[in-house]
Amino acid sequence: MVPSRQGRGYASEATAALTSFALSLDGVHTVHANVERANPASARVLEKAGFTRYDSTDELFSYQRTVS
């Protein structure tokens, strides 16, 4: 995202909407996402969208959100 648009909630809103849409589809029960450890802002976007961290490596955090 371009710097002038960062911090306005666009990524959080888009992530929440796309995740809700994906989970509304037949046969979709879980959405997975990975973020680089060096990018805490992206990790926070996922957490705000209801994702939980379930794994990590030296470079990545892995998140998932399941149908509730």
Protein backbone atom coordinates (compact mmCIF):
# COMPACT_ATOMS: atom_id res chain seq x y z
CA MET A 1 0.00 0.00 0.00
CA VAL A 2 1.28 3.46 -0.80
CA PRO A 3 2.51 5.33 2.27
CA SER A 4 -0.07 8.12 1.94
CA ARG A 5 -2.86 5.57 2.43
CA GLN A 6 -1.33 3.57 5.27
CA GLY A 7 -2.91 3.69 8.71
CA ARG A 8 -6.41 4.44 7.44
CA GLY A 9 -7.85 0.97 7.97
CA TYR A 10 -8.15 0.05 4.30
CA ALA A 11 -6.14 -3.16 4.65
CA SER A 12 -8.09 -4.22 7.75
CA GLU A 13 -11.42 -3.56 6.08
CA ALA A 14 -10.45 -5.38 2.89
CA THR A 15 -9.01 -8.35 4.78
CA ALA A 16 -12.13 -8.71 6.93
CA ALA A 17 -14.45 -8.46 3.90
CA LEU A 18 -12.50 -10.93 1.76
CA THR A 19 -12.21 -13.39 4.64
CA SER A 20 -15.93 -13.20 5.40
CA PHE A 21 -16.72 -13.74 1.74
CA ALA A 22 -14.38 -16.74 1.48
CA LEU A 23 -15.82 -18.33 4.61
CA SER A 24 -19.36 -17.91 3.26
CA LEU A 25 -18.60 -20.16 0.29
CA ASP A 26 -19.63 -23.81 0.34
CA GLY A 27 -16.74 -26.04 1.28
CA VAL A 28 -14.54 -23.28 2.71
CA HIS A 29 -14.01 -23.74 6.43
CA THR A 30 -10.62 -22.14 7.02
CA VAL A 31 -8.62 -19.27 5.53
CA HIS A 32 -4.84 -19.30 5.98
CA ALA A 33 -2.36 -16.42 5.71
CA ASN A 34 1.35 -15.94 6.26
CA VAL A 35 3.18 -12.74 7.14
CA GLU A 36 6.85 -11.98 7.48
CA ARG A 37 8.01 -11.51 11.06
CA ALA A 38 9.50 -8.18 9.97
CA ASN A 39 6.01 -6.89 9.12
CA PRO A 40 4.07 -6.49 12.40
CA ALA A 41 1.52 -4.17 10.78
CA SER A 42 0.33 -6.97 8.50
CA ALA A 43 0.14 -9.35 11.45
CA ARG A 44 -2.06 -6.83 13.26
CA VAL A 45 -4.34 -6.55 10.20
CA LEU A 46 -4.91 -10.31 10.35
CA GLU A 47 -5.53 -10.25 14.09
CA LYS A 48 -8.08 -7.45 13.71
CA ALA A 49 -9.83 -9.59 11.07
CA GLY A 50 -10.21 -12.45 13.53
CA PHE A 51 -7.21 -14.57 12.55
CA THR A 52 -5.21 -16.42 15.16
CA ARG A 53 -1.55 -17.33 14.92
CA TYR A 54 -1.02 -21.08 14.86
CA ASP A 55 2.58 -21.54 13.72
CA SER A 56 5.82 -19.71 13.03
CA THR A 57 9.20 -20.16 11.41
CA ASP A 58 12.33 -18.06 11.53
CA GLU A 59 10.86 -15.84 8.81
CA LEU A 60 7.05 -16.19 8.93
CA PHE A 61 4.04 -16.17 11.21
CA SER A 62 1.16 -18.38 10.05
CA TYR A 63 -2.42 -17.39 10.81
CA GLN A 64 -5.82 -18.95 10.25
CA ARG A 65 -9.46 -18.10 10.68
CA THR A 66 -12.13 -20.77 10.75
CA VAL A 67 -15.88 -20.68 10.41
CA SER A 68 -17.39 -19.90 13.79
